[in-house]
C-alpha atoms as a PDB file:
ATOM      1  CA  MET A   1     161.072 170.304 290.137  1.00  0.00           C
ATOM      2  CA  ASN A   2     160.987 173.993 289.292  1.00  0.00           C
ATOM      3  CA  GLU A   3     157.727 175.879 289.907  1.00  0.00           C
ATOM      4  CA  GLY A   4     156.735 179.285 288.552  1.00  0.00           C
ATOM      5  CA  SER A   5     153.821 181.301 289.926  1.00  0.00           C
ATOM      6  CA  GLN A   6     150.876 179.625 291.589  1.00  0.00           C
ATOM      7  CA  GLY A   7     148.094 180.127 288.998  1.00  0.00           C
ATOM      8  CA  SER A   8     144.944 182.182 289.150  1.00  0.00           C
ATOM      9  CA  GLY A   9     141.694 181.980 291.027  1.00  0.00           C
ATOM     10  CA  PRO A  10     140.669 181.277 294.574  1.00  0.00           C
ATOM     11  CA  SER A  11     141.798 178.198 296.436  1.00  0.00           C
ATOM     12  CA  ALA A  12     138.323 177.282 297.688  1.00  0.00           C
ATOM     13  CA  GLY A  13     136.710 174.171 296.230  1.00  0.00           C
ATOM     14  CA  GLY A  14     134.149 174.534 293.441  1.00  0.00           C
ATOM     15  CA  ALA A  15     135.682 177.535 291.690  1.00  0.00           C
ATOM     16  CA  THR A  16     137.366 177.192 288.314  1.00  0.00           C
ATOM     17  CA  VAL A  17     141.083 177.940 288.296  1.00  0.00           C
ATOM     18  CA  CYS A  18     143.397 178.083 285.288  1.00  0.00           C
ATOM     19  CA  CYS A  19     147.083 177.737 284.636  1.00  0.00           C
ATOM     20  CA  ARG A  20     149.587 177.259 281.845  1.00  0.00           C
ATOM     21  CA  VAL A  21     152.232 174.597 282.389  1.00  0.00           C
ATOM     22  CA  LEU A  22     155.579 173.936 280.696  1.00  0.00           C
ATOM     23  CA  VAL A  23     157.108 170.505 281.242  1.00  0.00           C
ATOM     24  CA  SER A  24     160.786 169.823 280.461  1.00  0.00           C
ATOM     25  CA  GLY A  25     162.721 166.572 280.246  1.00  0.00           C
ATOM     26  CA  ARG A  26     162.175 163.484 278.118  1.00  0.00           C
ATOM     27  CA  VAL A  27     158.565 164.402 277.389  1.00  0.00           C
ATOM     28  CA  GLN A  28     158.249 164.064 273.604  1.00  0.00           C
ATOM     29  CA  GLY A  29     158.003 160.792 271.723  1.00  0.00           C
ATOM     30  CA  VAL A  30     156.989 158.930 274.888  1.00  0.00           C
ATOM     31  CA  GLY A  31     153.182 159.262 274.819  1.00  0.00           C
ATOM     32  CA  PHE A  32     153.180 162.282 277.122  1.00  0.00           C
ATOM     33  CA  ARG A  33     150.393 164.190 275.324  1.00  0.00           C
ATOM     34  CA  TRP A  34     148.137 161.140 275.077  1.00  0.00           C
ATOM     35  CA  SER A  35     148.730 160.243 278.725  1.00  0.00           C
ATOM     36  CA  THR A  36     148.170 163.855 279.793  1.00  0.00           C
ATOM     37  CA  ALA A  37     144.839 164.018 277.963  1.00  0.00           C
ATOM     38  CA  ARG A  38     143.743 160.747 279.553  1.00  0.00           C
ATOM     39  CA  ALA A  39     144.815 161.883 283.046  1.00  0.00           C
ATOM     40  CA  ALA A  40     143.068 165.247 282.600  1.00  0.00           C
ATOM     41  CA  LYS A  41     139.808 163.701 281.407  1.00  0.00           C
ATOM     42  CA  GLY A  42     139.840 161.304 284.349  1.00  0.00           C
ATOM     43  CA  ARG A  43     140.148 164.240 286.757  1.00  0.00           C
ATOM     44  CA  GLY A  44     137.563 166.461 285.054  1.00  0.00           C
ATOM     45  CA  VAL A  45     140.251 168.935 283.946  1.00  0.00           C
ATOM     46  CA  ARG A  46     139.612 170.848 280.719  1.00  0.00           C
ATOM     47  CA  GLY A  47     142.080 172.434 278.286  1.00  0.00           C
ATOM     48  CA  TRP A  48     144.761 171.247 275.886  1.00  0.00           C
ATOM     49  CA  VAL A  49     148.299 169.896 275.583  1.00  0.00           C
ATOM     50  CA  ARG A  50     150.880 170.253 272.793  1.00  0.00           C
ATOM     51  CA  ASN A  51     154.549 169.655 271.991  1.00  0.00           C
ATOM     52  CA  LEU A  52     156.795 172.692 271.589  1.00  0.00           C
ATOM     53  CA  ILE A  53     159.614 172.939 269.063  1.00  0.00           C
ATOM     54  CA  ASP A  54     162.180 173.291 271.882  1.00  0.00           C
ATOM     55  CA  GLY A  55     161.375 169.806 273.234  1.00  0.00           C
ATOM     56  CA  ARG A  56     159.068 170.842 276.066  1.00  0.00           C
ATOM     57  CA  VAL A  57     155.367 170.110 276.427  1.00  0.00           C
ATOM     58  CA  GLU A  58     152.901 172.951 277.070  1.00  0.00           C
ATOM     59  CA  ALA A  59     149.448 172.562 278.604  1.00  0.00           C
ATOM     60  CA  HIS A  60     146.551 174.856 279.458  1.00  0.00           C
ATOM     61  CA  LEU A  61     144.512 173.520 282.378  1.00  0.00           C
ATOM     62  CA  GLU A  62     141.113 174.604 283.734  1.00  0.00           C
ATOM     63  CA  GLY A  63     139.138 173.029 286.541  1.00  0.00           C
ATOM     64  CA  GLU A  64     138.406 172.918 290.242  1.00  0.00           C
ATOM     65  CA  PRO A  65     141.414 173.573 292.506  1.00  0.00           C
ATOM     66  CA  GLN A  66     141.592 170.003 293.837  1.00  0.00           C
ATOM     67  CA  ALA A  67     141.444 168.569 290.298  1.00  0.00           C
ATOM     68  CA  LEU A  68     144.219 170.917 289.123  1.00  0.00           C
ATOM     69  CA  ASP A  69     146.372 170.045 292.139  1.00  0.00           C
ATOM     70  CA  SER A  70     145.976 166.359 291.295  1.00  0.00           C
ATOM     71  CA  MET A  71     146.755 167.011 287.623  1.00  0.00           C
ATOM     72  CA  LEU A  72     149.859 169.041 288.460  1.00  0.00           C
ATOM     73  CA  ALA A  73     151.104 166.252 290.734  1.00  0.00           C
ATOM     74  CA  TRP A  74     150.606 163.812 287.843  1.00  0.00           C
ATOM     75  CA  LEU A  75     152.413 166.129 285.391  1.00  0.00           C
ATOM     76  CA  ALA A  76     155.379 166.397 287.777  1.00  0.00           C
ATOM     77  CA  LYS A  77     155.943 162.658 287.217  1.00  0.00           C
ATOM     78  CA  GLY A  78     154.318 162.025 283.823  1.00  0.00           C
ATOM     79  CA  PRO A  79     153.784 158.576 282.334  1.00  0.00           C
ATOM     80  CA  PRO A  80     156.275 155.773 283.113  1.00  0.00           C
ATOM     81  CA  SER A  81     158.071 156.247 279.772  1.00  0.00           C
ATOM     82  CA  ALA A  82     158.797 159.941 280.451  1.00  0.00           C
ATOM     83  CA  ARG A  83     161.356 161.740 282.610  1.00  0.00           C
ATOM     84  CA  VAL A  84     160.207 165.106 283.962  1.00  0.00           C
ATOM     85  CA  ASP A  85     163.089 167.434 284.852  1.00  0.00           C
ATOM     86  CA  ALA A  86     161.110 170.638 285.468  1.00  0.00           C
ATOM     87  CA  LEU A  87     157.510 171.807 285.748  1.00  0.00           C
ATOM     88  CA  GLU A  88     156.779 175.513 285.441  1.00  0.00           C
ATOM     89  CA  ARG A  89     153.309 176.859 286.279  1.00  0.00           C
ATOM     90  CA  PHE A  90     152.013 180.283 285.241  1.00  0.00           C
ATOM     91  CA  ASP A  91     148.809 182.265 285.674  1.00  0.00           C
ATOM     92  CA  ALA A  92     146.400 181.915 282.756  1.00  0.00           C
ATOM     93  CA  GLU A  93     143.079 183.375 281.725  1.00  0.00           C
ATOM     94  CA  PRO A  94     140.181 180.940 281.373  1.00  0.00           C
ATOM     95  CA  LEU A  95     139.432 179.914 277.795  1.00  0.00           C
ATOM     96  CA  GLY A  96     136.110 178.259 278.561  1.00  0.00           C
ATOM     97  CA  ALA A  97     137.487 174.955 277.334  1.00  0.00           C
ATOM     98  CA  GLU A  98     135.069 172.070 276.951  1.00  0.00           C
ATOM     99  CA  GLY A  99     136.853 168.764 277.340  1.00  0.00           C
ATOM    100  CA  PHE A 100     140.562 168.192 276.833  1.00  0.00           C
ATOM    101  CA  GLU A 101     142.353 168.046 273.493  1.00  0.00           C
ATOM    102  CA  GLN A 102     145.742 167.043 272.164  1.00  0.00           C
ATOM    103  CA  ARG A 103     146.896 169.809 269.867  1.00  0.00           C
ATOM    104  CA  ARG A 104     149.309 169.382 267.018  1.00  0.00           C
ATOM    105  CA  ASP A 105     152.933 170.341 267.593  1.00  0.00           C
ATOM    106  CA  GLY A 106     153.374 174.071 268.116  1.00  0.00           C
ATOM    107  CA  GLY A 107     149.603 174.494 268.394  1.00  0.00           C
ATOM    108  CA  ARG A 108     149.007 174.389 264.665  1.00  0.00           C
END
């Protein structure tokens, strides 16, 4: 697994932290977006997920540090039908997301 920077916000519980994630591997056409949305909602993580034209999946995540840590651990493995080769995490500004959505490919 390949990790980028560690995201923004404090590491204390209760605060909202945000990050952008790029997932590489066999992550399109295997239910990755649907499974990601379900996993995020179950953890109380807000944001979105979408397929990129280059074959990766991109996600914006917002939530409490413990919830994001759990979500990132899930993304590092993905659903059973996927194969995750790399997970890159980057700092992101909060968008004030409410809920979690699956966006159309390329964010359109």
